[in-house]
Amino acid sequence: TEIREHEPYAAGKAALYAPEAASVDSQQYVYELAREVQDAGV
């Protein structure tokens, strides 16, 4: 019951919920790093 309060279709006996996990656009991140280092003279 508690699991399905978070994920209605997930199945299991118990679970650990970690709210700080996140999803990021890794490609945009890499390109932003590239712009930043080039601006810094790299």
Full PDB file with SEQRES, HELIX, SHEET, SSBOND, CRYST1, ORIGX, SCALE, CONECT and MASTER records, all heavy atoms in Angstrom:
SEQRES   1 A   42  THR GLU ILE ARG GLU HIS GLU PRO TYR ALA ALA GLY LYS          
SEQRES   2 A   42  ALA ALA LEU TYR ALA PRO GLU ALA ALA SER VAL ASP SER          
SEQRES   3 A   42  GLN GLN TYR VAL TYR GLU LEU ALA ARG GLU VAL GLN ASP          
SEQRES   4 A   42  ALA GLY VAL                                                  
HELIX    1 AA1 GLU A    2  HIS A    6  1                                   5    
HELIX    2 AA2 SER A   26  ASP A   39  1                                  14    
CRYST1    1.000    1.000    1.000  90.00  90.00  90.00 P 1           1          
ORIGX1      1.000000  0.000000  0.000000        0.00000                         
ORIGX2      0.000000  1.000000  0.000000        0.00000                         
ORIGX3      0.000000  0.000000  1.000000        0.00000                         
SCALE1      1.000000  0.000000  0.000000        0.00000                         
SCALE2      0.000000  1.000000  0.000000        0.00000                         
SCALE3      0.000000  0.000000  1.000000        0.00000                         
ATOM      1  N   THR A   1       0.825  -1.209   0.000  1.00  0.00           N  
ATOM      2  CA  THR A   1       0.000   0.000   0.000  1.00  0.00           C  
ATOM      3  C   THR A   1       0.859   1.258   0.000  1.00  0.00           C  
ATOM      4  O   THR A   1       0.614   2.198  -0.774  1.00  0.00           O  
ATOM      5  CB  THR A   1      -0.937   0.007   1.223  1.00  0.00           C  
ATOM      6  OG1 THR A   1      -1.763  -1.152   1.183  1.00  0.00           O  
ATOM      7  CG2 THR A   1      -1.803   1.261   1.230  1.00  0.00           C  
ATOM      8  N   GLU A   2       1.878   1.290   0.854  1.00  0.00           N  
ATOM      9  CA  GLU A   2       2.753   2.455   0.923  1.00  0.00           C  
ATOM     10  C   GLU A   2       3.566   2.612  -0.362  1.00  0.00           C  
ATOM     11  O   GLU A   2       3.810   3.729  -0.819  1.00  0.00           O  
ATOM     12  CB  GLU A   2       3.684   2.342   2.129  1.00  0.00           C  
ATOM     13  CG  GLU A   2       2.987   2.511   3.468  1.00  0.00           C  
ATOM     14  CD  GLU A   2       3.953   2.526   4.629  1.00  0.00           C  
ATOM     15  OE1 GLU A   2       5.007   1.872   4.523  1.00  0.00           O  
ATOM     16  OE2 GLU A   2       3.659   3.198   5.628  1.00  0.00           O  
ATOM     17  N   ILE A   3       4.002   1.487  -0.926  1.00  0.00           N  
ATOM     18  CA  ILE A   3       4.737   1.540  -2.193  1.00  0.00           C  
ATOM     19  C   ILE A   3       3.880   2.204  -3.262  1.00  0.00           C  
ATOM     20  O   ILE A   3       4.333   3.090  -4.001  1.00  0.00           O  
ATOM     21  CB  ILE A   3       5.155   0.121  -2.635  1.00  0.00           C  
ATOM     22  CG1 ILE A   3       6.274  -0.412  -1.733  1.00  0.00           C  
ATOM     23  CG2 ILE A   3       5.605   0.122  -4.100  1.00  0.00           C  
ATOM     24  CD1 ILE A   3       6.609  -1.871  -1.970  1.00  0.00           C  
ATOM     25  N   ARG A   4       2.609   1.814  -3.338  1.00  0.00           N  
ATOM     26  CA  ARG A   4       1.740   2.301  -4.410  1.00  0.00           C  
ATOM     27  C   ARG A   4       1.267   3.735  -4.193  1.00  0.00           C  
ATOM     28  O   ARG A   4       0.731   4.348  -5.107  1.00  0.00           O  
ATOM     29  CB  ARG A   4       0.574   1.334  -4.602  1.00  0.00           C  
ATOM     30  CG  ARG A   4       1.080  -0.006  -5.153  1.00  0.00           C  
ATOM     31  CD  ARG A   4       0.058  -0.834  -5.823  1.00  0.00           C  
ATOM     32  NE  ARG A   4       0.704  -1.846  -6.660  1.00  0.00           N  
ATOM     33  CZ  ARG A   4       0.069  -2.851  -7.252  1.00  0.00           C  
ATOM     34  NH1 ARG A   4      -1.257  -2.966  -7.118  1.00  0.00           N  
ATOM     35  NH2 ARG A   4       0.721  -3.719  -7.998  1.00  0.00           N  
ATOM     36  N   GLU A   5       1.505   4.262  -3.011  1.00  0.00           N  
ATOM     37  CA  GLU A   5       1.279   5.695  -2.821  1.00  0.00           C  
ATOM     38  C   GLU A   5       2.307   6.503  -3.606  1.00  0.00           C  
ATOM     39  O   GLU A   5       2.037   7.630  -4.027  1.00  0.00           O  
ATOM     40  CB  GLU A   5       1.344   6.040  -1.335  1.00  0.00           C  
ATOM     41  CG  GLU A   5       0.144   5.559  -0.538  1.00  0.00           C  
ATOM     42  CD  GLU A   5       0.295   5.826   0.955  1.00  0.00           C  
ATOM     43  OE1 GLU A   5       1.332   6.418   1.340  1.00  0.00           O  
ATOM     44  OE2 GLU A   5      -0.606   5.452   1.720  1.00  0.00           O  
ATOM     45  N   HIS A   6       3.489   5.923  -3.797  1.00  0.00           N  
ATOM     46  CA  HIS A   6       4.543   6.561  -4.590  1.00  0.00           C  
ATOM     47  C   HIS A   6       4.462   6.150  -6.061  1.00  0.00           C  
ATOM     48  O   HIS A   6       4.571   6.994  -6.951  1.00  0.00           O  
ATOM     49  CB  HIS A   6       5.925   6.192  -4.027  1.00  0.00           C  
ATOM     50  CG  HIS A   6       6.241   6.817  -2.720  1.00  0.00           C  
ATOM     51  ND1 HIS A   6       6.822   8.064  -2.605  1.00  0.00           N  
ATOM     52  CD2 HIS A   6       6.044   6.381  -1.449  1.00  0.00           C  
ATOM     53  CE1 HIS A   6       6.974   8.362  -1.322  1.00  0.00           C  
ATOM     54  NE2 HIS A   6       6.512   7.363  -0.602  1.00  0.00           N  
ATOM     55  N   GLU A   7       4.322   4.845  -6.282  1.00  0.00           N  
ATOM     56  CA  GLU A   7       4.274   4.310  -7.641  1.00  0.00           C  
ATOM     57  C   GLU A   7       3.113   3.323  -7.736  1.00  0.00           C  
ATOM     58  O   GLU A   7       3.224   2.173  -7.302  1.00  0.00           O  
ATOM     59  CB  GLU A   7       5.601   3.609  -7.989  1.00  0.00           C  
ATOM     60  CG  GLU A   7       6.768   4.548  -8.228  1.00  0.00           C  
ATOM     61  CD  GLU A   7       6.650   5.316  -9.546  1.00  0.00           C  
ATOM     62  OE1 GLU A   7       5.760   4.978 -10.357  1.00  0.00           O  
ATOM     63  OE2 GLU A   7       7.450   6.251  -9.747  1.00  0.00           O  
ATOM     64  N   PRO A   8       1.981   3.744  -8.305  1.00  0.00           N  
ATOM     65  CA  PRO A   8       0.764   2.921  -8.289  1.00  0.00           C  
ATOM     66  C   PRO A   8       0.900   1.554  -8.945  1.00  0.00           C  
ATOM     67  O   PRO A   8       0.136   0.642  -8.624  1.00  0.00           O  
ATOM     68  CB  PRO A   8      -0.247   3.789  -9.043  1.00  0.00           C  
ATOM     69  CG  PRO A   8       0.242   5.191  -8.861  1.00  0.00           C  
ATOM     70  CD  PRO A   8       1.730   5.093  -8.844  1.00  0.00           C  
ATOM     71  N   TYR A   9       1.848   1.385  -9.858  1.00  0.00           N  
ATOM     72  CA  TYR A   9       1.959   0.118 -10.577  1.00  0.00           C  
ATOM     73  C   TYR A   9       3.158  -0.721 -10.133  1.00  0.00           C  
ATOM     74  O   TYR A   9       3.375  -1.805 -10.663  1.00  0.00           O  
ATOM     75  CB  TYR A   9       2.031   0.373 -12.089  1.00  0.00           C  
ATOM     76  CG  TYR A   9       0.760   0.966 -12.637  1.00  0.00           C  
ATOM     77  CD1 TYR A   9       0.609   2.341 -12.747  1.00  0.00           C  
ATOM     78  CD2 TYR A   9      -0.313   0.151 -13.011  1.00  0.00           C  
ATOM     79  CE1 TYR A   9      -0.567   2.897 -13.235  1.00  0.00           C  
ATOM     80  CE2 TYR A   9      -1.493   0.693 -13.504  1.00  0.00           C  
ATOM     81  CZ  TYR A   9      -1.615   2.066 -13.609  1.00  0.00           C  
ATOM     82  OH  TYR A   9      -2.774   2.612 -14.083  1.00  0.00           O  
ATOM     83  N   ALA A  10       3.947  -0.212  -9.183  1.00  0.00           N  
ATOM     84  CA  ALA A  10       5.104  -0.967  -8.703  1.00  0.00           C  
ATOM     85  C   ALA A  10       4.648  -2.071  -7.756  1.00  0.00           C  
ATOM     86  O   ALA A  10       3.658  -1.926  -7.042  1.00  0.00           O  
ATOM     87  CB  ALA A  10       6.086  -0.046  -7.997  1.00  0.00           C  
ATOM     88  N   ALA A  11       5.387  -3.180  -7.751  1.00  0.00           N  
ATOM     89  CA  ALA A  11       5.042  -4.312  -6.894  1.00  0.00           C  
ATOM     90  C   ALA A  11       6.240  -4.690  -6.044  1.00  0.00           C  
ATOM     91  O   ALA A  11       7.377  -4.732  -6.529  1.00  0.00           O  
ATOM     92  CB  ALA A  11       4.607  -5.501  -7.736  1.00  0.00           C  
ATOM     93  N   GLY A  12       5.977  -4.959  -4.754  1.00  0.00           N  
ATOM     94  CA  GLY A  12       7.052  -5.381  -3.876  1.00  0.00           C  
ATOM     95  C   GLY A  12       6.564  -5.584  -2.464  1.00  0.00           C  
ATOM     96  O   GLY A  12       5.426  -5.239  -2.112  1.00  0.00           O  
ATOM     97  N   LYS A  13       7.439  -6.138  -1.654  1.00  0.00           N  
ATOM     98  CA  LYS A  13       7.125  -6.420  -0.249  1.00  0.00           C  
ATOM     99  C   LYS A  13       7.417  -5.215   0.641  1.00  0.00           C  
ATOM    100  O   LYS A  13       6.749  -4.981   1.646  1.00  0.00           O  
ATOM    101  CB  LYS A  13       7.965  -7.623   0.201  1.00  0.00           C  
ATOM    102  CG  LYS A  13       7.636  -8.165   1.573  1.00  0.00           C  
ATOM    103  CD  LYS A  13       8.449  -9.445   1.807  1.00  0.00           C  
ATOM    104  CE  LYS A  13       8.021 -10.100   3.126  1.00  0.00           C  
ATOM    105  NZ  LYS A  13       8.376  -9.283   4.284  1.00  0.00           N  
ATOM    106  N   ALA A  14       8.454  -4.457   0.248  1.00  0.00           N  
ATOM    107  CA  ALA A  14       8.874  -3.272   0.996  1.00  0.00           C  
ATOM    108  C   ALA A  14       9.698  -2.410   0.047  1.00  0.00           C  
ATOM    109  O   ALA A  14      10.018  -2.825  -1.071  1.00  0.00           O  
ATOM    110  CB  ALA A  14       9.689  -3.663   2.229  1.00  0.00           C  
ATOM    111  N   ALA A  15      10.044  -1.219   0.499  1.00  0.00           N  
ATOM    112  CA  ALA A  15      10.824  -0.331  -0.373  1.00  0.00           C  
ATOM    113  C   ALA A  15      11.535   0.728   0.459  1.00  0.00           C  
ATOM    114  O   ALA A  15      11.162   1.004   1.610  1.00  0.00           O  
ATOM    115  CB  ALA A  15       9.934   0.336  -1.414  1.00  0.00           C  
ATOM    116  N   LEU A  16      12.549   1.292  -0.124  1.00  0.00           N  
ATOM    117  CA  LEU A  16      13.221   2.471   0.427  1.00  0.00           C  
ATOM    118  C   LEU A  16      13.019   3.602  -0.565  1.00  0.00           C  
ATOM    119  O   LEU A  16      13.272   3.441  -1.767  1.00  0.00           O  
ATOM    120  CB  LEU A  16      14.713   2.205   0.642  1.00  0.00           C  
ATOM    121  CG  LEU A  16      15.545   3.368   1.212  1.00  0.00           C  
ATOM    122  CD1 LEU A  16      16.627   2.843   2.159  1.00  0.00           C  
ATOM    123  CD2 LEU A  16      16.205   4.191   0.099  1.00  0.00           C  
ATOM    124  N   TYR A  17      12.555   4.738  -0.072  1.00  0.00           N  
ATOM    125  CA  TYR A  17      12.338   5.914  -0.917  1.00  0.00           C  
ATOM    126  C   TYR A  17      13.396   6.954  -0.587  1.00  0.00           C  
ATOM    127  O   TYR A  17      13.571   7.335   0.580  1.00  0.00           O  
ATOM    128  CB  TYR A  17      10.948   6.481  -0.703  1.00  0.00           C  
ATOM    129  CG  TYR A  17      10.695   7.766  -1.468  1.00  0.00           C  
ATOM    130  CD1 TYR A  17      10.708   7.776  -2.856  1.00  0.00           C  
ATOM    131  CD2 TYR A  17      10.446   8.964  -0.795  1.00  0.00           C  
ATOM    132  CE1 TYR A  17      10.479   8.946  -3.563  1.00  0.00           C  
ATOM    133  CE2 TYR A  17      10.212  10.138  -1.501  1.00  0.00           C  
ATOM    134  CZ  TYR A  17      10.239  10.122  -2.883  1.00  0.00           C  
ATOM    135  OH  TYR A  17      10.021  11.286  -3.580  1.00  0.00           O  
ATOM    136  N   ALA A  18      14.131   7.388  -1.615  1.00  0.00           N  
ATOM    137  CA  ALA A  18      15.176   8.405  -1.453  1.00  0.00           C  
ATOM    138  C   ALA A  18      14.786   9.622  -2.294  1.00  0.00           C  
ATOM    139  O   ALA A  18      14.958   9.616  -3.526  1.00  0.00           O  
ATOM    140  CB  ALA A  18      16.539   7.873  -1.880  1.00  0.00           C  
ATOM    141  N   PRO A  19      14.253  10.658  -1.677  1.00  0.00           N  
ATOM    142  CA  PRO A  19      13.688  11.788  -2.431  1.00  0.00           C  
ATOM    143  C   PRO A  19      14.723  12.657  -3.135  1.00  0.00           C  
ATOM    144  O   PRO A  19      14.358  13.428  -4.021  1.00  0.00           O  
ATOM    145  CB  PRO A  19      12.943  12.593  -1.362  1.00  0.00           C  
ATOM    146  CG  PRO A  19      13.610  12.247  -0.080  1.00  0.00           C  
ATOM    147  CD  PRO A  19      14.034  10.811  -0.228  1.00  0.00           C  
ATOM    148  N   GLU A  20      16.003  12.560  -2.773  1.00  0.00           N  
ATOM    149  CA  GLU A  20      17.014  13.445  -3.361  1.00  0.00           C  
ATOM    150  C   GLU A  20      17.517  12.976  -4.722  1.00  0.00           C  
ATOM    151  O   GLU A  20      18.217  13.725  -5.419  1.00  0.00           O  
ATOM    152  CB  GLU A  20      18.195  13.582  -2.404  1.00  0.00           C  
ATOM    153  CG  GLU A  20      17.835  14.292  -1.104  1.00  0.00           C  
ATOM    154  CD  GLU A  20      18.916  14.166  -0.055  1.00  0.00           C  
ATOM    155  OE1 GLU A  20      19.202  13.026   0.372  1.00  0.00           O  
ATOM    156  OE2 GLU A  20      19.487  15.194   0.338  1.00  0.00           O  
ATOM    157  N   ALA A  21      17.206  11.748  -5.119  1.00  0.00           N  
ATOM    158  CA  ALA A  21      17.607  11.269  -6.446  1.00  0.00           C  
ATOM    159  C   ALA A  21      16.945  12.134  -7.511  1.00  0.00           C  
ATOM    160  O   ALA A  21      15.813  12.588  -7.355  1.00  0.00           O  
ATOM    161  CB  ALA A  21      17.217   9.808  -6.627  1.00  0.00           C  
ATOM    162  N   ALA A  22      17.652  12.346  -8.608  1.00  0.00           N  
ATOM    163  CA  ALA A  22      17.150  13.251  -9.642  1.00  0.00           C  
ATOM    164  C   ALA A  22      17.524  12.745 -11.025  1.00  0.00           C  
ATOM    165  O   ALA A  22      18.363  11.847 -11.189  1.00  0.00           O  
ATOM    166  CB  ALA A  22      17.698  14.660  -9.422  1.00  0.00           C  
ATOM    167  N   SER A  23      16.904  13.343 -12.014  1.00  0.00           N  
ATOM    168  CA  SER A  23      17.179  13.036 -13.412  1.00  0.00           C  
ATOM    169  C   SER A  23      17.664  14.305 -14.094  1.00  0.00           C  
ATOM    170  O   SER A  23      17.071  15.380 -13.926  1.00  0.00           O  
ATOM    171  CB  SER A  23      15.905  12.523 -14.092  1.00  0.00           C  
ATOM    172  OG  SER A  23      16.141  12.221 -15.451  1.00  0.00           O  
ATOM    173  N   VAL A  24      18.756  14.193 -14.854  1.00  0.00           N  
ATOM    174  CA  VAL A  24      19.372  15.353 -15.479  1.00  0.00           C  
ATOM    175  C   VAL A  24      19.593  15.078 -16.967  1.00  0.00           C  
ATOM    176  O   VAL A  24      19.756  13.921 -17.369  1.00  0.00           O  
ATOM    177  CB  VAL A  24      20.716  15.708 -14.783  1.00  0.00           C  
ATOM    178  CG1 VAL A  24      21.737  14.595 -14.982  1.00  0.00           C  
ATOM    179  CG2 VAL A  24      21.271  17.021 -15.261  1.00  0.00           C  
ATOM    180  N   ASP A  25      19.568  16.117 -17.775  1.00  0.00           N  
ATOM    181  CA  ASP A  25      19.889  15.971 -19.195  1.00  0.00           C  
ATOM    182  C   ASP A  25      21.409  15.982 -19.322  1.00  0.00           C  
ATOM    183  O   ASP A  25      22.042  17.040 -19.320  1.00  0.00           O  
ATOM    184  CB  ASP A  25      19.270  17.107 -20.004  1.00  0.00           C  
ATOM    185  CG  ASP A  25      19.402  16.894 -21.506  1.00  0.00           C  
ATOM    186  OD1 ASP A  25      20.478  16.453 -21.957  1.00  0.00           O  
ATOM    187  OD2 ASP A  25      18.441  17.170 -22.233  1.00  0.00           O  
ATOM    188  N   SER A  26      22.008  14.803 -19.421  1.00  0.00           N  
ATOM    189  CA  SER A  26      23.467  14.698 -19.382  1.00  0.00           C  
ATOM    190  C   SER A  26      24.131  15.338 -20.596  1.00  0.00           C  
ATOM    191  O   SER A  26      25.228  15.897 -20.484  1.00  0.00           O  
ATOM    192  CB  SER A  26      23.889  13.232 -19.266  1.00  0.00           C  
ATOM    193  OG  SER A  26      23.426  12.469 -20.364  1.00  0.00           O  
ATOM    194  N   GLN A  27      23.485  15.278 -21.746  1.00  0.00           N  
ATOM    195  CA  GLN A  27      24.097  15.875 -22.934  1.00  0.00           C  
ATOM    196  C   GLN A  27      24.143  17.395 -22.829  1.00  0.00           C  
ATOM    197  O   GLN A  27      25.160  18.021 -23.149  1.00  0.00           O  
ATOM    198  CB  GLN A  27      23.358  15.425 -24.189  1.00  0.00           C  
ATOM    199  CG  GLN A  27      23.485  13.931 -24.437  1.00  0.00           C  
ATOM    200  CD  GLN A  27      23.189  13.550 -25.877  1.00  0.00           C  
ATOM    201  OE1 GLN A  27      23.089  14.395 -26.765  1.00  0.00           O  
ATOM    202  NE2 GLN A  27      23.066  12.261 -26.121  1.00  0.00           N  
ATOM    203  N   GLN A  28      23.050  18.002 -22.357  1.00  0.00           N  
ATOM    204  CA  GLN A  28      23.074  19.457 -22.178  1.00  0.00           C  
ATOM    205  C   GLN A  28      24.123  19.857 -21.140  1.00  0.00           C  
ATOM    206  O   GLN A  28      24.772  20.905 -21.261  1.00  0.00           O  
ATOM    207  CB  GLN A  28      21.694  19.961 -21.759  1.00  0.00           C  
ATOM    208  CG  GLN A  28      20.672  19.964 -22.888  1.00  0.00           C  
ATOM    209  CD  GLN A  28      19.460  20.818 -22.559  1.00  0.00           C  
ATOM    210  OE1 GLN A  28      19.586  21.932 -22.041  1.00  0.00           O  
ATOM    211  NE2 GLN A  28      18.275  20.313 -22.883  1.00  0.00           N  
ATOM    212  N   TYR A  29      24.263  19.035 -20.117  1.00  0.00           N  
ATOM    213  CA  TYR A  29      25.275  19.305 -19.086  1.00  0.00           C  
ATOM    214  C   TYR A  29      26.677  19.311 -19.682  1.00  0.00           C  
ATOM    215  O   TYR A  29      27.483  20.224 -19.423  1.00  0.00           O  
ATOM    216  CB  TYR A  29      25.156  18.255 -17.987  1.00  0.00           C  
ATOM    217  CG  TYR A  29      26.324  18.197 -17.027  1.00  0.00           C  
ATOM    218  CD1 TYR A  29      26.663  19.288 -16.226  1.00  0.00           C  
ATOM    219  CD2 TYR A  29      27.085  17.035 -16.909  1.00  0.00           C  
ATOM    220  CE1 TYR A  29      27.738  19.221 -15.344  1.00  0.00           C  
ATOM    221  CE2 TYR A  29      28.140  16.953 -16.022  1.00  0.00           C  
ATOM    222  CZ  TYR A  29      28.471  18.051 -15.247  1.00  0.00           C  
ATOM    223  OH  TYR A  29      29.527  17.980 -14.382  1.00  0.00           O  
ATOM    224  N   VAL A  30      27.011  18.318 -20.497  1.00  0.00           N  
ATOM    225  CA  VAL A  30      28.340  18.247 -21.104  1.00  0.00           C  
ATOM    226  C   VAL A  30      28.592  19.447 -22.007  1.00  0.00           C  
ATOM    227  O   VAL A  30      29.665  20.061 -21.969  1.00  0.00           O  
ATOM    228  CB  VAL A  30      28.505  16.923 -21.887  1.00  0.00           C  
ATOM    229  CG1 VAL A  30      29.797  16.934 -22.708  1.00  0.00           C  
ATOM    230  CG2 VAL A  30      28.515  15.736 -20.921  1.00  0.00           C  
ATOM    231  N   TYR A  31      27.601  19.814 -22.801  1.00  0.00           N  
ATOM    232  CA  TYR A  31      27.785  20.957 -23.704  1.00  0.00           C  
ATOM    233  C   TYR A  31      27.912  22.264 -22.929  1.00  0.00           C  
ATOM    234  O   TYR A  31      28.645  23.177 -23.339  1.00  0.00           O  
ATOM    235  CB  TYR A  31      26.650  21.019 -24.721  1.00  0.00           C  
ATOM    236  CG  TYR A  31      26.934  20.191 -25.953  1.00  0.00           C  
ATOM    237  CD1 TYR A  31      26.556  18.855 -26.023  1.00  0.00           C  
ATOM    238  CD2 TYR A  31      27.627  20.731 -27.029  1.00  0.00           C  
ATOM    239  CE1 TYR A  31      26.841  18.085 -27.141  1.00  0.00           C  
ATOM    240  CE2 TYR A  31      27.922  19.978 -28.151  1.00  0.00           C  
ATOM    241  CZ  TYR A  31      27.525  18.646 -28.204  1.00  0.00           C  
ATOM    242  OH  TYR A  31      27.831  17.888 -29.307  1.00  0.00           O  
ATOM    243  N   GLU A  32      27.227  22.385 -21.810  1.00  0.00           N  
ATOM    244  CA  GLU A  32      27.367  23.589 -20.995  1.00  0.00           C  
ATOM    245  C   GLU A  32      28.762  23.658 -20.382  1.00  0.00           C  
ATOM    246  O   GLU A  32      29.378  24.735 -20.337  1.00  0.00           O  
ATOM    247  CB  GLU A  32      26.305  23.617 -19.897  1.00  0.00           C  
ATOM    248  CG  GLU A  32      26.324  24.890 -19.050  1.00  0.00           C  
ATOM    249  CD  GLU A  32      26.136  26.159 -19.858  1.00  0.00           C  
ATOM    250  OE1 GLU A  32      25.332  26.149 -20.817  1.00  0.00           O  
ATOM    251  OE2 GLU A  32      26.806  27.170 -19.547  1.00  0.00           O  
ATOM    252  N   LEU A  33      29.274  22.534 -19.910  1.00  0.00           N  
ATOM    253  CA  LEU A  33      30.660  22.498 -19.427  1.00  0.00           C  
ATOM    254  C   LEU A  33      31.628  22.937 -20.518  1.00  0.00           C  
ATOM    255  O   LEU A  33      32.566  23.700 -20.264  1.00  0.00           O  
ATOM    256  CB  LEU A  33      31.025  21.086 -18.968  1.00  0.00           C  
ATOM    257  CG  LEU A  33      30.616  20.624 -17.579  1.00  0.00           C  
ATOM    258  CD1 LEU A  33      31.046  19.166 -17.369  1.00  0.00           C  
ATOM    259  CD2 LEU A  33      31.232  21.497 -16.493  1.00  0.00           C  
ATOM    260  N   ALA A  34      31.382  22.462 -21.737  1.00  0.00           N  
ATOM    261  CA  ALA A  34      32.262  22.819 -22.854  1.00  0.00           C  
ATOM    262  C   ALA A  34      32.232  24.322 -23.117  1.00  0.00           C  
ATOM    263  O   ALA A  34      33.277  24.953 -23.335  1.00  0.00           O  
ATOM    264  CB  ALA A  34      31.846  22.052 -24.110  1.00  0.00           C  
ATOM    265  N   ARG A  35      31.033  24.911 -23.099  1.00  0.00           N  
ATOM    266  CA  ARG A  35      30.940  26.368 -23.295  1.00  0.00           C  
ATOM    267  C   ARG A  35      31.665  27.117 -22.178  1.00  0.00           C  
ATOM    268  O   ARG A  35      32.377  28.098 -22.425  1.00  0.00           O  
ATOM    269  CB  ARG A  35      29.473  26.793 -23.351  1.00  0.00           C  
ATOM    270  CG  ARG A  35      28.780  26.499 -24.665  1.00  0.00           C  
ATOM    271  CD  ARG A  35      27.401  27.137 -24.722  1.00  0.00           C  
ATOM    272  NE  ARG A  35      26.449  26.440 -23.866  1.00  0.00           N  
ATOM    273  CZ  ARG A  35      25.696  25.420 -24.275  1.00  0.00           C  
ATOM    274  NH1 ARG A  35      25.787  24.989 -25.523  1.00  0.00           N  
ATOM    275  NH2 ARG A  35      24.839  24.848 -23.448  1.00  0.00           N  
ATOM    276  N   GLU A  36      31.497  26.630 -20.962  1.00  0.00           N  
ATOM    277  CA  GLU A  36      32.116  27.309 -19.820  1.00  0.00           C  
ATOM    278  C   GLU A  36      33.639  27.269 -19.899  1.00  0.00           C  
ATOM    279  O   GLU A  36      34.302  28.284 -19.662  1.00  0.00           O  
ATOM    280  CB  GLU A  36      31.639  26.659 -18.515  1.00  0.00           C  
ATOM    281  CG  GLU A  36      32.109  27.394 -17.275  1.00  0.00           C  
ATOM    282  CD  GLU A  36      31.593  26.782 -15.995  1.00  0.00           C  
ATOM    283  OE1 GLU A  36      30.952  25.717 -16.039  1.00  0.00           O  
ATOM    284  OE2 GLU A  36      31.848  27.376 -14.930  1.00  0.00           O  
ATOM    285  N   VAL A  37      34.203  26.112 -20.234  1.00  0.00           N  
ATOM    286  CA  VAL A  37      35.671  26.028 -20.263  1.00  0.00           C  
ATOM    287  C   VAL A  37      36.242  26.830 -21.433  1.00  0.00           C  
ATOM    288  O   VAL A  37      37.310  27.443 -21.317  1.00  0.00           O  
ATOM    289  CB  VAL A  37      36.167  24.568 -20.295  1.00  0.00           C  
ATOM    290  CG1 VAL A  37      35.692  23.804 -19.078  1.00  0.00           C  
ATOM    291  CG2 VAL A  37      35.797  23.842 -21.572  1.00  0.00           C  
ATOM    292  N   GLN A  38      35.527  26.858 -22.547  1.00  0.00           N  
ATOM    293  CA  GLN A  38      36.002  27.669 -23.674  1.00  0.00           C  
ATOM    294  C   GLN A  38      35.958  29.151 -23.329  1.00  0.00           C  
ATOM    295  O   GLN A  38      36.879  29.902 -23.679  1.00  0.00           O  
ATOM    296  CB  GLN A  38      35.175  27.366 -24.916  1.00  0.00           C  
ATOM    297  CG  GLN A  38      35.488  26.002 -25.534  1.00  0.00           C  
ATOM    298  CD  GLN A  38      34.612  25.710 -26.733  1.00  0.00           C  
ATOM    299  OE1 GLN A  38      33.397  25.572 -26.617  1.00  0.00           O  
ATOM    300  NE2 GLN A  38      35.218  25.624 -27.898  1.00  0.00           N  
ATOM    301  N   ASP A  39      34.925  29.585 -22.633  1.00  0.00           N  
ATOM    302  CA  ASP A  39      34.851  30.983 -22.189  1.00  0.00           C  
ATOM    303  C   ASP A  39      35.996  31.327 -21.235  1.00  0.00           C  
ATOM    304  O   ASP A  39      36.417  32.485 -21.150  1.00  0.00           O  
ATOM    305  CB  ASP A  39      33.513  31.259 -21.501  1.00  0.00           C  
ATOM    306  CG  ASP A  39      32.340  31.281 -22.471  1.00  0.00           C  
ATOM    307  OD1 ASP A  39      32.585  31.376 -23.700  1.00  0.00           O  
ATOM    308  OD2 ASP A  39      31.181  31.188 -22.011  1.00  0.00           O  
ATOM    309  N   ALA A  40      36.477  30.287 -20.514  1.00  0.00           N  
ATOM    310  CA  ALA A  40      37.575  30.494 -19.561  1.00  0.00           C  
ATOM    311  C   ALA A  40      38.939  30.417 -20.231  1.00  0.00           C  
ATOM    312  O   ALA A  40      39.972  30.552 -19.557  1.00  0.00           O  
ATOM    313  CB  ALA A  40      37.492  29.465 -18.441  1.00  0.00           C  
ATOM    314  N   GLY A  41      38.963  30.201 -21.552  1.00  0.00           N  
ATOM    315  CA  GLY A  41      40.228  30.190 -22.277  1.00  0.00           C  
ATOM    316  C   GLY A  41      40.790  28.823 -22.596  1.00  0.00           C  
ATOM    317  O   GLY A  41      41.893  28.703 -23.147  1.00  0.00           O  
ATOM    318  N   VAL A  42      40.064  27.766 -22.263  1.00  0.00           N  
ATOM    319  CA  VAL A  42      40.514  26.408 -22.579  1.00  0.00           C  
ATOM    320  C   VAL A  42      40.275  26.135 -24.060  1.00  0.00           C  
ATOM    321  O   VAL A  42      39.215  26.475 -24.601  1.00  0.00           O  
ATOM    322  CB  VAL A  42      39.763  25.372 -21.724  1.00  0.00           C  
ATOM    323  CG1 VAL A  42      40.095  23.946 -22.153  1.00  0.00           C  
ATOM    324  CG2 VAL A  42      40.085  25.568 -20.241  1.00  0.00           C  
TER     325      VAL A  42                                                      
MASTER        0    0    0    2    0    0    0    6  324    1    0    4          
END                                                                             
